[in-house]
mmCIF file of all heavy atoms, coordinates in Angstrom:
data_MODEL
# 
_entry.id   MODEL 
# 
loop_
_atom_site.group_PDB 
_atom_site.id 
_atom_site.type_symbol 
_atom_site.label_atom_id 
_atom_site.label_alt_id 
_atom_site.label_comp_id 
_atom_site.label_asym_id 
_atom_site.label_entity_id 
_atom_site.label_seq_id 
_atom_site.pdbx_PDB_ins_code 
_atom_site.Cartn_x 
_atom_site.Cartn_y 
_atom_site.Cartn_z 
_atom_site.occupancy 
_atom_site.B_iso_or_equiv 
_atom_site.pdbx_formal_charge 
_atom_site.auth_seq_id 
_atom_site.auth_comp_id 
_atom_site.auth_asym_id 
_atom_site.auth_atom_id 
_atom_site.pdbx_PDB_model_num 
ATOM 1   N N   . GLY A 1 1  ? 89.852  92.342  119.077 1.00 0.00 ? 1  GLY A N   1 
ATOM 2   C CA  . GLY A 1 1  ? 90.580  92.992  117.996 1.00 0.00 ? 1  GLY A CA  1 
ATOM 3   C C   . GLY A 1 1  ? 91.433  94.149  118.473 1.00 0.00 ? 1  GLY A C   1 
ATOM 4   O O   . GLY A 1 1  ? 92.521  94.397  117.940 1.00 0.00 ? 1  GLY A O   1 
ATOM 5   N N   . GLU A 1 2  ? 90.939  94.866  119.482 1.00 0.00 ? 2  GLU A N   1 
ATOM 6   C CA  . GLU A 1 2  ? 91.706  95.999  119.988 1.00 0.00 ? 2  GLU A CA  1 
ATOM 7   C C   . GLU A 1 2  ? 93.044  95.561  120.561 1.00 0.00 ? 2  GLU A C   1 
ATOM 8   O O   . GLU A 1 2  ? 94.041  96.284  120.458 1.00 0.00 ? 2  GLU A O   1 
ATOM 9   C CB  . GLU A 1 2  ? 90.902  96.748  121.061 1.00 0.00 ? 2  GLU A CB  1 
ATOM 10  C CG  . GLU A 1 2  ? 89.674  97.465  120.543 1.00 0.00 ? 2  GLU A CG  1 
ATOM 11  C CD  . GLU A 1 2  ? 88.416  96.620  120.643 1.00 0.00 ? 2  GLU A CD  1 
ATOM 12  O OE1 . GLU A 1 2  ? 88.535  95.385  120.806 1.00 0.00 ? 2  GLU A OE1 1 
ATOM 13  O OE2 . GLU A 1 2  ? 87.322  97.195  120.555 1.00 0.00 ? 2  GLU A OE2 1 
ATOM 14  N N   . GLU A 1 3  ? 93.080  94.378  121.169 1.00 0.00 ? 3  GLU A N   1 
ATOM 15  C CA  . GLU A 1 3  ? 94.344  93.903  121.726 1.00 0.00 ? 3  GLU A CA  1 
ATOM 16  C C   . GLU A 1 3  ? 95.385  93.733  120.629 1.00 0.00 ? 3  GLU A C   1 
ATOM 17  O O   . GLU A 1 3  ? 96.524  94.204  120.751 1.00 0.00 ? 3  GLU A O   1 
ATOM 18  C CB  . GLU A 1 3  ? 94.139  92.582  122.467 1.00 0.00 ? 3  GLU A CB  1 
ATOM 19  C CG  . GLU A 1 3  ? 95.432  92.025  123.043 1.00 0.00 ? 3  GLU A CG  1 
ATOM 20  C CD  . GLU A 1 3  ? 95.245  90.699  123.764 1.00 0.00 ? 3  GLU A CD  1 
ATOM 21  O OE1 . GLU A 1 3  ? 94.088  90.228  123.870 1.00 0.00 ? 3  GLU A OE1 1 
ATOM 22  O OE2 . GLU A 1 3  ? 96.257  90.128  124.213 1.00 0.00 ? 3  GLU A OE2 1 
ATOM 23  N N   . ALA A 1 4  ? 95.002  93.067  119.540 1.00 0.00 ? 4  ALA A N   1 
ATOM 24  C CA  . ALA A 1 4  ? 95.938  92.871  118.429 1.00 0.00 ? 4  ALA A CA  1 
ATOM 25  C C   . ALA A 1 4  ? 96.376  94.206  117.847 1.00 0.00 ? 4  ALA A C   1 
ATOM 26  O O   . ALA A 1 4  ? 97.563  94.409  117.534 1.00 0.00 ? 4  ALA A O   1 
ATOM 27  C CB  . ALA A 1 4  ? 95.285  92.001  117.353 1.00 0.00 ? 4  ALA A CB  1 
ATOM 28  N N   . ALA A 1 5  ? 95.435  95.133  117.709 1.00 0.00 ? 5  ALA A N   1 
ATOM 29  C CA  . ALA A 1 5  ? 95.762  96.427  117.126 1.00 0.00 ? 5  ALA A CA  1 
ATOM 30  C C   . ALA A 1 5  ? 96.717  97.221  118.019 1.00 0.00 ? 5  ALA A C   1 
ATOM 31  O O   . ALA A 1 5  ? 97.705  97.793  117.535 1.00 0.00 ? 5  ALA A O   1 
ATOM 32  C CB  . ALA A 1 5  ? 94.473  97.219  116.886 1.00 0.00 ? 5  ALA A CB  1 
ATOM 33  N N   . PHE A 1 6  ? 96.445  97.225  119.319 1.00 0.00 ? 6  PHE A N   1 
ATOM 34  C CA  . PHE A 1 6  ? 97.303  98.003  120.211 1.00 0.00 ? 6  PHE A CA  1 
ATOM 35  C C   . PHE A 1 6  ? 98.670  97.353  120.399 1.00 0.00 ? 6  PHE A C   1 
ATOM 36  O O   . PHE A 1 6  ? 99.667  98.052  120.581 1.00 0.00 ? 6  PHE A O   1 
ATOM 37  C CB  . PHE A 1 6  ? 96.608  98.236  121.552 1.00 0.00 ? 6  PHE A CB  1 
ATOM 38  C CG  . PHE A 1 6  ? 95.738  99.454  121.556 1.00 0.00 ? 6  PHE A CG  1 
ATOM 39  C CD1 . PHE A 1 6  ? 94.381  99.341  121.326 1.00 0.00 ? 6  PHE A CD1 1 
ATOM 40  C CD2 . PHE A 1 6  ? 96.274  100.713 121.754 1.00 0.00 ? 6  PHE A CD2 1 
ATOM 41  C CE1 . PHE A 1 6  ? 93.567  100.465 121.305 1.00 0.00 ? 6  PHE A CE1 1 
ATOM 42  C CE2 . PHE A 1 6  ? 95.474  101.842 121.736 1.00 0.00 ? 6  PHE A CE2 1 
ATOM 43  C CZ  . PHE A 1 6  ? 94.111  101.724 121.513 1.00 0.00 ? 6  PHE A CZ  1 
ATOM 44  N N   . ARG A 1 7  ? 98.720  96.033  120.360 1.00 0.00 ? 7  ARG A N   1 
ATOM 45  C CA  . ARG A 1 7  ? 100.042 95.387  120.418 1.00 0.00 ? 7  ARG A CA  1 
ATOM 46  C C   . ARG A 1 7  ? 100.858 95.775  119.183 1.00 0.00 ? 7  ARG A C   1 
ATOM 47  O O   . ARG A 1 7  ? 102.074 96.004  119.273 1.00 0.00 ? 7  ARG A O   1 
ATOM 48  C CB  . ARG A 1 7  ? 99.893  93.881  120.546 1.00 0.00 ? 7  ARG A CB  1 
ATOM 49  C CG  . ARG A 1 7  ? 99.388  93.430  121.923 1.00 0.00 ? 7  ARG A CG  1 
ATOM 50  C CD  . ARG A 1 7  ? 99.460  91.918  122.077 1.00 0.00 ? 7  ARG A CD  1 
ATOM 51  N NE  . ARG A 1 7  ? 98.867  91.455  123.311 1.00 0.00 ? 7  ARG A NE  1 
ATOM 52  C CZ  . ARG A 1 7  ? 99.467  91.446  124.501 1.00 0.00 ? 7  ARG A CZ  1 
ATOM 53  N NH1 . ARG A 1 7  ? 100.701 91.923  124.611 1.00 0.00 ? 7  ARG A NH1 1 
ATOM 54  N NH2 . ARG A 1 7  ? 98.855  90.972  125.580 1.00 0.00 ? 7  ARG A NH2 1 
ATOM 55  N N   . ALA A 1 8  ? 100.197 95.859  118.036 1.00 0.00 ? 8  ALA A N   1 
ATOM 56  C CA  . ALA A 1 8  ? 100.896 96.288  116.818 1.00 0.00 ? 8  ALA A CA  1 
ATOM 57  C C   . ALA A 1 8  ? 101.348 97.742  116.936 1.00 0.00 ? 8  ALA A C   1 
ATOM 58  O O   . ALA A 1 8  ? 102.460 98.094  116.509 1.00 0.00 ? 8  ALA A O   1 
ATOM 59  C CB  . ALA A 1 8  ? 99.982  96.111  115.607 1.00 0.00 ? 8  ALA A CB  1 
ATOM 60  N N   . LEU A 1 9  ? 100.520 98.577  117.529 1.00 0.00 ? 9  LEU A N   1 
ATOM 61  C CA  . LEU A 1 9  ? 100.907 99.975  117.725 1.00 0.00 ? 9  LEU A CA  1 
ATOM 62  C C   . LEU A 1 9  ? 102.094 100.082 118.686 1.00 0.00 ? 9  LEU A C   1 
ATOM 63  O O   . LEU A 1 9  ? 102.974 100.913 118.500 1.00 0.00 ? 9  LEU A O   1 
ATOM 64  C CB  . LEU A 1 9  ? 99.722  100.777 118.254 1.00 0.00 ? 9  LEU A CB  1 
ATOM 65  C CG  . LEU A 1 9  ? 98.584  101.031 117.260 1.00 0.00 ? 9  LEU A CG  1 
ATOM 66  C CD1 . LEU A 1 9  ? 97.421  101.703 117.965 1.00 0.00 ? 9  LEU A CD1 1 
ATOM 67  C CD2 . LEU A 1 9  ? 99.063  101.873 116.087 1.00 0.00 ? 9  LEU A CD2 1 
ATOM 68  N N   . GLY A 1 10 ? 102.097 99.233  119.706 1.00 0.00 ? 10 GLY A N   1 
ATOM 69  C CA  . GLY A 1 10 ? 103.229 99.215  120.625 1.00 0.00 ? 10 GLY A CA  1 
ATOM 70  C C   . GLY A 1 10 ? 104.516 98.815  119.920 1.00 0.00 ? 10 GLY A C   1 
ATOM 71  O O   . GLY A 1 10 ? 105.581 99.393  120.160 1.00 0.00 ? 10 GLY A O   1 
ATOM 72  N N   . ARG A 1 11 ? 104.417 97.818  119.024 1.00 0.00 ? 11 ARG A N   1 
ATOM 73  C CA  . ARG A 1 11 ? 105.607 97.402  118.250 1.00 0.00 ? 11 ARG A CA  1 
ATOM 74  C C   . ARG A 1 11 ? 106.063 98.518  117.315 1.00 0.00 ? 11 ARG A C   1 
ATOM 75  O O   . ARG A 1 11 ? 107.264 98.737  117.123 1.00 0.00 ? 11 ARG A O   1 
ATOM 76  C CB  . ARG A 1 11 ? 105.308 96.132  117.467 1.00 0.00 ? 11 ARG A CB  1 
ATOM 77  C CG  . ARG A 1 11 ? 105.161 94.887  118.332 1.00 0.00 ? 11 ARG A CG  1 
ATOM 78  C CD  . ARG A 1 11 ? 105.173 93.614  117.504 1.00 0.00 ? 11 ARG A CD  1 
ATOM 79  N NE  . ARG A 1 11 ? 104.047 93.544  116.596 1.00 0.00 ? 11 ARG A NE  1 
ATOM 80  C CZ  . ARG A 1 11 ? 102.851 93.043  116.906 1.00 0.00 ? 11 ARG A CZ  1 
ATOM 81  N NH1 . ARG A 1 11 ? 102.634 92.578  118.129 1.00 0.00 ? 11 ARG A NH1 1 
ATOM 82  N NH2 . ARG A 1 11 ? 101.885 92.995  116.008 1.00 0.00 ? 11 ARG A NH2 1 
ATOM 83  N N   . ALA A 1 12 ? 105.092 99.229  116.735 1.00 0.00 ? 12 ALA A N   1 
ATOM 84  C CA  . ALA A 1 12 ? 105.440 100.349 115.856 1.00 0.00 ? 12 ALA A CA  1 
ATOM 85  C C   . ALA A 1 12 ? 106.238 101.402 116.611 1.00 0.00 ? 12 ALA A C   1 
ATOM 86  O O   . ALA A 1 12 ? 107.206 101.966 116.089 1.00 0.00 ? 12 ALA A O   1 
ATOM 87  C CB  . ALA A 1 12 ? 104.173 100.962 115.258 1.00 0.00 ? 12 ALA A CB  1 
ATOM 88  N N   . HIS A 1 13 ? 105.835 101.630 117.856 1.00 0.00 ? 13 HIS A N   1 
ATOM 89  C CA  . HIS A 1 13 ? 106.588 102.586 118.666 1.00 0.00 ? 13 HIS A CA  1 
ATOM 90  C C   . HIS A 1 13 ? 107.999 102.072 118.931 1.00 0.00 ? 13 HIS A C   1 
ATOM 91  O O   . HIS A 1 13 ? 108.972 102.818 118.827 1.00 0.00 ? 13 HIS A O   1 
ATOM 92  C CB  . HIS A 1 13 ? 105.879 102.841 120.000 1.00 0.00 ? 13 HIS A CB  1 
ATOM 93  C CG  . HIS A 1 13 ? 106.719 103.614 120.964 1.00 0.00 ? 13 HIS A CG  1 
ATOM 94  N ND1 . HIS A 1 13 ? 106.928 104.963 120.852 1.00 0.00 ? 13 HIS A ND1 1 
ATOM 95  C CD2 . HIS A 1 13 ? 107.449 103.212 122.035 1.00 0.00 ? 13 HIS A CD2 1 
ATOM 96  C CE1 . HIS A 1 13 ? 107.729 105.371 121.819 1.00 0.00 ? 13 HIS A CE1 1 
ATOM 97  N NE2 . HIS A 1 13 ? 108.060 104.330 122.542 1.00 0.00 ? 13 HIS A NE2 1 
ATOM 98  N N   . ASP A 1 14 ? 108.115 100.798 119.278 1.00 0.00 ? 14 ASP A N   1 
ATOM 99  C CA  . ASP A 1 14 ? 109.426 100.220 119.575 1.00 0.00 ? 14 ASP A CA  1 
ATOM 100 C C   . ASP A 1 14 ? 110.351 100.298 118.367 1.00 0.00 ? 14 ASP A C   1 
ATOM 101 O O   . ASP A 1 14 ? 111.563 100.503 118.505 1.00 0.00 ? 14 ASP A O   1 
ATOM 102 C CB  . ASP A 1 14 ? 109.274 98.762  120.013 1.00 0.00 ? 14 ASP A CB  1 
ATOM 103 C CG  . ASP A 1 14 ? 108.547 98.631  121.336 1.00 0.00 ? 14 ASP A CG  1 
ATOM 104 O OD1 . ASP A 1 14 ? 108.479 99.630  122.084 1.00 0.00 ? 14 ASP A OD1 1 
ATOM 105 O OD2 . ASP A 1 14 ? 108.026 97.535  121.622 1.00 0.00 ? 14 ASP A OD2 1 
ATOM 106 N N   . GLU A 1 15 ? 109.782 100.129 117.171 1.00 0.00 ? 15 GLU A N   1 
ATOM 107 C CA  . GLU A 1 15 ? 110.598 100.069 115.962 1.00 0.00 ? 15 GLU A CA  1 
ATOM 108 C C   . GLU A 1 15 ? 110.918 101.434 115.377 1.00 0.00 ? 15 GLU A C   1 
ATOM 109 O O   . GLU A 1 15 ? 111.991 101.640 114.802 1.00 0.00 ? 15 GLU A O   1 
ATOM 110 C CB  . GLU A 1 15 ? 109.874 99.217  114.909 1.00 0.00 ? 15 GLU A CB  1 
ATOM 111 C CG  . GLU A 1 15 ? 109.756 97.752  115.314 1.00 0.00 ? 15 GLU A CG  1 
ATOM 112 C CD  . GLU A 1 15 ? 108.791 96.983  114.427 1.00 0.00 ? 15 GLU A CD  1 
ATOM 113 O OE1 . GLU A 1 15 ? 108.249 97.586  113.474 1.00 0.00 ? 15 GLU A OE1 1 
ATOM 114 O OE2 . GLU A 1 15 ? 108.574 95.782  114.694 1.00 0.00 ? 15 GLU A OE2 1 
ATOM 115 N N   . SER A 1 16 ? 109.984 102.380 115.487 1.00 0.00 ? 16 SER A N   1 
ATOM 116 C CA  . SER A 1 16 ? 110.175 103.658 114.806 1.00 0.00 ? 16 SER A CA  1 
ATOM 117 C C   . SER A 1 16 ? 110.047 104.879 115.707 1.00 0.00 ? 16 SER A C   1 
ATOM 118 O O   . SER A 1 16 ? 110.315 105.998 115.270 1.00 0.00 ? 16 SER A O   1 
ATOM 119 C CB  . SER A 1 16 ? 109.156 103.791 113.668 1.00 0.00 ? 16 SER A CB  1 
ATOM 120 O OG  . SER A 1 16 ? 107.846 103.887 114.195 1.00 0.00 ? 16 SER A OG  1 
ATOM 121 N N   . GLY A 1 17 ? 109.618 104.672 116.941 1.00 0.00 ? 17 GLY A N   1 
ATOM 122 C CA  . GLY A 1 17 ? 109.415 105.806 117.837 1.00 0.00 ? 17 GLY A CA  1 
ATOM 123 C C   . GLY A 1 17 ? 108.102 106.519 117.610 1.00 0.00 ? 17 GLY A C   1 
ATOM 124 O O   . GLY A 1 17 ? 107.822 107.534 118.248 1.00 0.00 ? 17 GLY A O   1 
ATOM 125 N N   . THR A 1 18 ? 107.258 105.975 116.733 1.00 0.00 ? 18 THR A N   1 
ATOM 126 C CA  . THR A 1 18 ? 105.954 106.575 116.466 1.00 0.00 ? 18 THR A CA  1 
ATOM 127 C C   . THR A 1 18 ? 105.015 106.329 117.633 1.00 0.00 ? 18 THR A C   1 
ATOM 128 O O   . THR A 1 18 ? 105.007 105.259 118.228 1.00 0.00 ? 18 THR A O   1 
ATOM 129 C CB  . THR A 1 18 ? 105.345 105.958 115.192 1.00 0.00 ? 18 THR A CB  1 
ATOM 130 O OG1 . THR A 1 18 ? 106.254 106.138 114.123 1.00 0.00 ? 18 THR A OG1 1 
ATOM 131 C CG2 . THR A 1 18 ? 104.014 106.602 114.851 1.00 0.00 ? 18 THR A CG2 1 
ATOM 132 N N   . GLY A 1 19 ? 104.190 107.320 117.950 1.00 0.00 ? 19 GLY A N   1 
ATOM 133 C CA  . GLY A 1 19 ? 103.165 107.120 118.968 1.00 0.00 ? 19 GLY A CA  1 
ATOM 134 C C   . GLY A 1 19 ? 103.734 106.949 120.360 1.00 0.00 ? 19 GLY A C   1 
ATOM 135 O O   . GLY A 1 19 ? 104.495 107.777 120.839 1.00 0.00 ? 19 GLY A O   1 
ATOM 136 N N   . ALA A 1 20 ? 103.357 105.837 121.011 1.00 0.00 ? 20 ALA A N   1 
ATOM 137 C CA  . ALA A 1 20 ? 103.740 105.625 122.404 1.00 0.00 ? 20 ALA A CA  1 
ATOM 138 C C   . ALA A 1 20 ? 103.801 104.128 122.697 1.00 0.00 ? 20 ALA A C   1 
ATOM 139 O O   . ALA A 1 20 ? 103.211 103.318 121.980 1.00 0.00 ? 20 ALA A O   1 
ATOM 140 C CB  . ALA A 1 20 ? 102.724 106.290 123.324 1.00 0.00 ? 20 ALA A CB  1 
ATOM 141 N N   . PRO A 1 21 ? 104.511 103.743 123.769 1.00 0.00 ? 21 PRO A N   1 
ATOM 142 C CA  . PRO A 1 21 ? 104.516 102.330 124.163 1.00 0.00 ? 21 PRO A CA  1 
ATOM 143 C C   . PRO A 1 21 ? 103.146 101.912 124.705 1.00 0.00 ? 21 PRO A C   1 
ATOM 144 O O   . PRO A 1 21 ? 102.412 102.729 125.265 1.00 0.00 ? 21 PRO A O   1 
ATOM 145 C CB  . PRO A 1 21 ? 105.592 102.270 125.252 1.00 0.00 ? 21 PRO A CB  1 
ATOM 146 C CG  . PRO A 1 21 ? 105.693 103.664 125.771 1.00 0.00 ? 21 PRO A CG  1 
ATOM 147 C CD  . PRO A 1 21 ? 105.376 104.568 124.622 1.00 0.00 ? 21 PRO A CD  1 
ATOM 148 N N   . VAL A 1 22 ? 102.807 100.637 124.509 1.00 0.00 ? 22 VAL A N   1 
ATOM 149 C CA  . VAL A 1 22 ? 101.537 100.085 124.968 1.00 0.00 ? 22 VAL A CA  1 
ATOM 150 C C   . VAL A 1 22 ? 101.814 98.834  125.785 1.00 0.00 ? 22 VAL A C   1 
ATOM 151 O O   . VAL A 1 22 ? 102.544 97.936  125.335 1.00 0.00 ? 22 VAL A O   1 
ATOM 152 C CB  . VAL A 1 22 ? 100.615 99.728  123.784 1.00 0.00 ? 22 VAL A CB  1 
ATOM 153 C CG1 . VAL A 1 22 ? 99.306  99.127  124.300 1.00 0.00 ? 22 VAL A CG1 1 
ATOM 154 C CG2 . VAL A 1 22 ? 100.341 100.957 122.921 1.00 0.00 ? 22 VAL A CG2 1 
ATOM 155 N N   . THR A 1 23 ? 101.250 98.759  126.977 1.00 0.00 ? 23 THR A N   1 
ATOM 156 C CA  . THR A 1 23 ? 101.357 97.575  127.832 1.00 0.00 ? 23 THR A CA  1 
ATOM 157 C C   . THR A 1 23 ? 99.957  97.016  128.032 1.00 0.00 ? 23 THR A C   1 
ATOM 158 O O   . THR A 1 23 ? 99.032  97.750  128.389 1.00 0.00 ? 23 THR A O   1 
ATOM 159 C CB  . THR A 1 23 ? 101.965 97.943  129.202 1.00 0.00 ? 23 THR A CB  1 
ATOM 160 O OG1 . THR A 1 23 ? 103.245 98.548  128.994 1.00 0.00 ? 23 THR A OG1 1 
ATOM 161 C CG2 . THR A 1 23 ? 102.131 96.702  130.067 1.00 0.00 ? 23 THR A CG2 1 
ATOM 162 N N   . TRP A 1 24 ? 99.793  95.696  127.809 1.00 0.00 ? 24 TRP A N   1 
ATOM 163 C CA  . TRP A 1 24 ? 98.466  95.076  127.862 1.00 0.00 ? 24 TRP A CA  1 
ATOM 164 C C   . TRP A 1 24 ? 98.494  93.929  128.862 1.00 0.00 ? 24 TRP A C   1 
ATOM 165 O O   . TRP A 1 24 ? 99.282  93.001  128.734 1.00 0.00 ? 24 TRP A O   1 
ATOM 166 C CB  . TRP A 1 24 ? 98.093  94.550  126.482 1.00 0.00 ? 24 TRP A CB  1 
ATOM 167 C CG  . TRP A 1 24 ? 96.632  94.226  126.318 1.00 0.00 ? 24 TRP A CG  1 
ATOM 168 C CD1 . TRP A 1 24 ? 95.953  93.173  126.857 1.00 0.00 ? 24 TRP A CD1 1 
ATOM 169 C CD2 . TRP A 1 24 ? 95.673  94.971  125.564 1.00 0.00 ? 24 TRP A CD2 1 
ATOM 170 N NE1 . TRP A 1 24 ? 94.645  93.212  126.490 1.00 0.00 ? 24 TRP A NE1 1 
ATOM 171 C CE2 . TRP A 1 24 ? 94.438  94.305  125.697 1.00 0.00 ? 24 TRP A CE2 1 
ATOM 172 C CE3 . TRP A 1 24 ? 95.746  96.130  124.787 1.00 0.00 ? 24 TRP A CE3 1 
ATOM 173 C CZ2 . TRP A 1 24 ? 93.267  94.757  125.076 1.00 0.00 ? 24 TRP A CZ2 1 
ATOM 174 C CZ3 . TRP A 1 24 ? 94.598  96.577  124.171 1.00 0.00 ? 24 TRP A CZ3 1 
ATOM 175 C CH2 . TRP A 1 24 ? 93.369  95.901  124.318 1.00 0.00 ? 24 TRP A CH2 1 
# 
């Protein structure tokens, strides 16, 4: 589940600049 969640967080960063990029 963490993989799906962090990939979504990475996309959120790409789209809005929120948070940070995530590489898995």
